[in-house]
Amino acid sequence: MASYCWKIKALKSNGPIAQGMEVEVIKKNTTGAPSGNEIRDAFSAKYSIKAPTGIYGNKSMFEIIKP
């Protein structure tokens, strides 16, 4: 099955997430966008931060780029 690499970019700062920070989320066997938990985990893992919860569905905060 196929894998897709979604790119997520912070458009605004929020807590430890600064404007312009970017992460990638790999989704396997689905074309669906990454969940809020997957995005939060990606920011936490890449930047070694405690990323806040509940902000990842906000389209004004993040740009989610389809593969």
N, C-alpha and C. Protein backbone atom coordinates (compact mmCIF):
# COMPACT_ATOMS: atom_id res chain seq x y z
N MET A 1 0.83 -1.18 0.00
CA MET A 1 0.00 0.00 0.00
C MET A 1 0.88 1.26 0.00
N ALA A 2 0.25 2.36 -0.33
CA ALA A 2 0.97 3.62 -0.48
C ALA A 2 1.11 4.35 0.86
N SER A 3 2.15 5.15 0.92
CA SER A 3 2.36 6.04 2.07
C SER A 3 2.37 7.47 1.56
N TYR A 4 1.89 8.38 2.39
CA TYR A 4 1.82 9.79 2.02
C TYR A 4 2.48 10.63 3.10
N CYS A 5 3.27 11.61 2.67
CA CYS A 5 3.96 12.50 3.59
C CYS A 5 3.25 13.85 3.59
N TRP A 6 2.55 14.14 4.69
CA TRP A 6 1.86 15.41 4.87
C TRP A 6 2.81 16.39 5.54
N LYS A 7 2.79 17.64 5.10
CA LYS A 7 3.60 18.68 5.72
C LYS A 7 2.67 19.63 6.47
N ILE A 8 3.07 19.97 7.67
CA ILE A 8 2.29 20.87 8.50
C ILE A 8 3.18 22.03 8.93
N LYS A 9 2.69 23.25 8.72
CA LYS A 9 3.46 24.45 9.06
C LYS A 9 2.64 25.32 10.00
N ALA A 10 3.27 25.79 11.08
CA ALA A 10 2.62 26.69 12.03
C ALA A 10 2.55 28.09 11.42
N LEU A 11 1.34 28.62 11.32
CA LEU A 11 1.15 29.96 10.77
C LEU A 11 1.21 31.03 11.85
N LYS A 12 0.95 30.62 13.10
CA LYS A 12 1.01 31.53 14.25
C LYS A 12 1.71 30.83 15.40
N SER A 13 2.30 31.58 16.28
CA SER A 13 2.94 31.01 17.47
C SER A 13 1.87 30.64 18.49
N ASN A 14 2.13 29.56 19.22
CA ASN A 14 1.24 29.12 20.30
C ASN A 14 2.08 28.32 21.29
N GLY A 15 2.32 28.90 22.46
CA GLY A 15 3.16 28.21 23.46
C GLY A 15 4.54 27.93 22.88
N PRO A 16 5.00 26.68 22.98
CA PRO A 16 6.35 26.35 22.49
C PRO A 16 6.44 26.21 20.97
N ILE A 17 5.30 26.26 20.29
CA ILE A 17 5.32 26.17 18.82
C ILE A 17 5.42 27.58 18.25
N ALA A 18 6.52 27.83 17.56
CA ALA A 18 6.76 29.15 16.98
C ALA A 18 6.28 29.20 15.54
N GLN A 19 5.87 30.38 15.13
CA GLN A 19 5.46 30.58 13.74
C GLN A 19 6.58 30.11 12.81
N GLY A 20 6.21 29.34 11.78
CA GLY A 20 7.18 28.87 10.80
C GLY A 20 7.71 27.47 11.06
N MET A 21 7.50 26.93 12.26
CA MET A 21 7.94 25.56 12.53
C MET A 21 7.18 24.61 11.60
N GLU A 22 7.87 23.60 11.12
CA GLU A 22 7.28 22.63 10.21
C GLU A 22 7.57 21.21 10.67
N VAL A 23 6.61 20.33 10.41
CA VAL A 23 6.80 18.89 10.66
C VAL A 23 6.22 18.12 9.49
N GLU A 24 6.59 16.85 9.42
CA GLU A 24 6.05 15.94 8.43
C GLU A 24 5.39 14.79 9.17
N VAL A 25 4.26 14.31 8.63
CA VAL A 25 3.56 13.16 9.19
C VAL A 25 3.36 12.16 8.06
N ILE A 26 3.84 10.95 8.26
CA ILE A 26 3.68 9.88 7.27
C ILE A 26 2.39 9.12 7.59
N LYS A 27 1.51 9.02 6.60
CA LYS A 27 0.27 8.26 6.73
C LYS A 27 0.35 7.07 5.78
N LYS A 28 0.15 5.89 6.30
CA LYS A 28 0.21 4.67 5.49
C LYS A 28 -1.19 4.15 5.24
N ASN A 29 -1.42 3.70 4.02
CA ASN A 29 -2.66 3.03 3.61
C ASN A 29 -3.90 3.90 3.73
N THR A 30 -3.75 5.21 3.71
CA THR A 30 -4.89 6.11 3.73
C THR A 30 -4.49 7.44 3.11
N THR A 31 -5.46 8.09 2.50
CA THR A 31 -5.21 9.43 1.95
C THR A 31 -5.75 10.50 2.89
N GLY A 32 -6.29 10.09 4.04
CA GLY A 32 -6.83 11.03 5.02
C GLY A 32 -5.74 11.89 5.66
N ALA A 33 -6.11 13.10 6.01
CA ALA A 33 -5.18 14.03 6.66
C ALA A 33 -4.80 13.52 8.05
N PRO A 34 -3.64 13.92 8.55
CA PRO A 34 -3.23 13.51 9.89
C PRO A 34 -4.16 14.08 10.96
N SER A 35 -4.31 13.33 12.03
CA SER A 35 -5.16 13.76 13.15
C SER A 35 -4.41 14.78 14.00
N GLY A 36 -5.15 15.44 14.87
CA GLY A 36 -4.54 16.40 15.80
C GLY A 36 -3.49 15.75 16.67
N ASN A 37 -3.76 14.52 17.13
CA ASN A 37 -2.78 13.81 17.96
C ASN A 37 -1.51 13.50 17.18
N GLU A 38 -1.64 13.11 15.92
CA GLU A 38 -0.46 12.81 15.10
C GLU A 38 0.37 14.08 14.86
N ILE A 39 -0.30 15.20 14.63
CA ILE A 39 0.40 16.47 14.43
C ILE A 39 1.11 16.88 15.71
N ARG A 40 0.41 16.83 16.83
CA ARG A 40 1.01 17.18 18.14
C ARG A 40 2.22 16.30 18.42
N ASP A 41 2.09 14.99 18.20
CA ASP A 41 3.20 14.07 18.44
C ASP A 41 4.39 14.37 17.54
N ALA A 42 4.11 14.79 16.30
CA ALA A 42 5.20 15.13 15.38
C ALA A 42 5.97 16.36 15.86
N PHE A 43 5.26 17.40 16.32
CA PHE A 43 5.93 18.58 16.86
C PHE A 43 6.73 18.22 18.12
N SER A 44 6.15 17.41 18.98
CA SER A 44 6.84 17.00 20.21
C SER A 44 8.11 16.23 19.90
N ALA A 45 8.03 15.31 18.95
CA ALA A 45 9.18 14.47 18.62
C ALA A 45 10.28 15.26 17.90
N LYS A 46 9.90 16.07 16.93
CA LYS A 46 10.91 16.79 16.14
C LYS A 46 11.63 17.86 16.94
N TYR A 47 10.89 18.59 17.78
CA TYR A 47 11.47 19.73 18.48
C TYR A 47 11.72 19.48 19.96
N SER A 48 11.44 18.28 20.45
CA SER A 48 11.63 17.95 21.88
C SER A 48 10.93 18.97 22.78
N ILE A 49 9.67 19.21 22.48
CA ILE A 49 8.86 20.15 23.26
C ILE A 49 7.61 19.43 23.75
N LYS A 50 6.94 20.05 24.71
CA LYS A 50 5.63 19.56 25.14
C LYS A 50 4.61 20.40 24.38
N ALA A 51 4.16 19.88 23.24
CA ALA A 51 3.24 20.61 22.39
C ALA A 51 1.86 20.67 23.04
N PRO A 52 1.18 21.82 22.93
CA PRO A 52 -0.15 21.95 23.53
C PRO A 52 -1.17 21.08 22.82
N THR A 53 -2.28 20.80 23.48
CA THR A 53 -3.34 19.98 22.89
C THR A 53 -4.47 20.87 22.39
N GLY A 54 -5.30 20.31 21.51
CA GLY A 54 -6.53 20.96 21.11
C GLY A 54 -6.44 22.13 20.16
N ILE A 55 -5.31 22.33 19.49
CA ILE A 55 -5.19 23.48 18.59
C ILE A 55 -5.00 23.08 17.13
N TYR A 56 -4.90 21.80 16.85
CA TYR A 56 -4.45 21.36 15.54
C TYR A 56 -5.53 21.31 14.47
N GLY A 57 -6.79 21.47 14.85
CA GLY A 57 -7.86 21.54 13.87
C GLY A 57 -8.14 22.96 13.41
N ASN A 58 -7.44 23.93 14.02
CA ASN A 58 -7.65 25.34 13.72
C ASN A 58 -6.90 25.71 12.44
N LYS A 59 -7.65 25.96 11.37
CA LYS A 59 -7.04 26.24 10.06
C LYS A 59 -6.27 27.56 10.03
N SER A 60 -6.55 28.47 10.97
CA SER A 60 -5.80 29.73 10.99
C SER A 60 -4.45 29.56 11.68
N MET A 61 -4.27 28.45 12.41
CA MET A 61 -3.01 28.21 13.14
C MET A 61 -2.01 27.40 12.33
N PHE A 62 -2.52 26.48 11.48
CA PHE A 62 -1.64 25.55 10.76
C PHE A 62 -2.04 25.43 9.30
N GLU A 63 -1.04 25.32 8.47
CA GLU A 63 -1.24 25.00 7.06
C GLU A 63 -0.92 23.52 6.92
N ILE A 64 -1.87 22.75 6.42
CA ILE A 64 -1.67 21.32 6.21
C ILE A 64 -1.59 21.10 4.71
N ILE A 65 -0.43 20.66 4.26
CA ILE A 65 -0.15 20.55 2.82
C ILE A 65 -0.28 19.10 2.41
N LYS A 66 -1.18 18.86 1.45
CA LYS A 66 -1.40 17.51 0.94
C LYS A 66 -0.18 17.04 0.17
N PRO A 67 0.03 15.73 0.17
CA PRO A 67 1.15 15.19 -0.62
C PRO A 67 0.88 15.30 -2.10
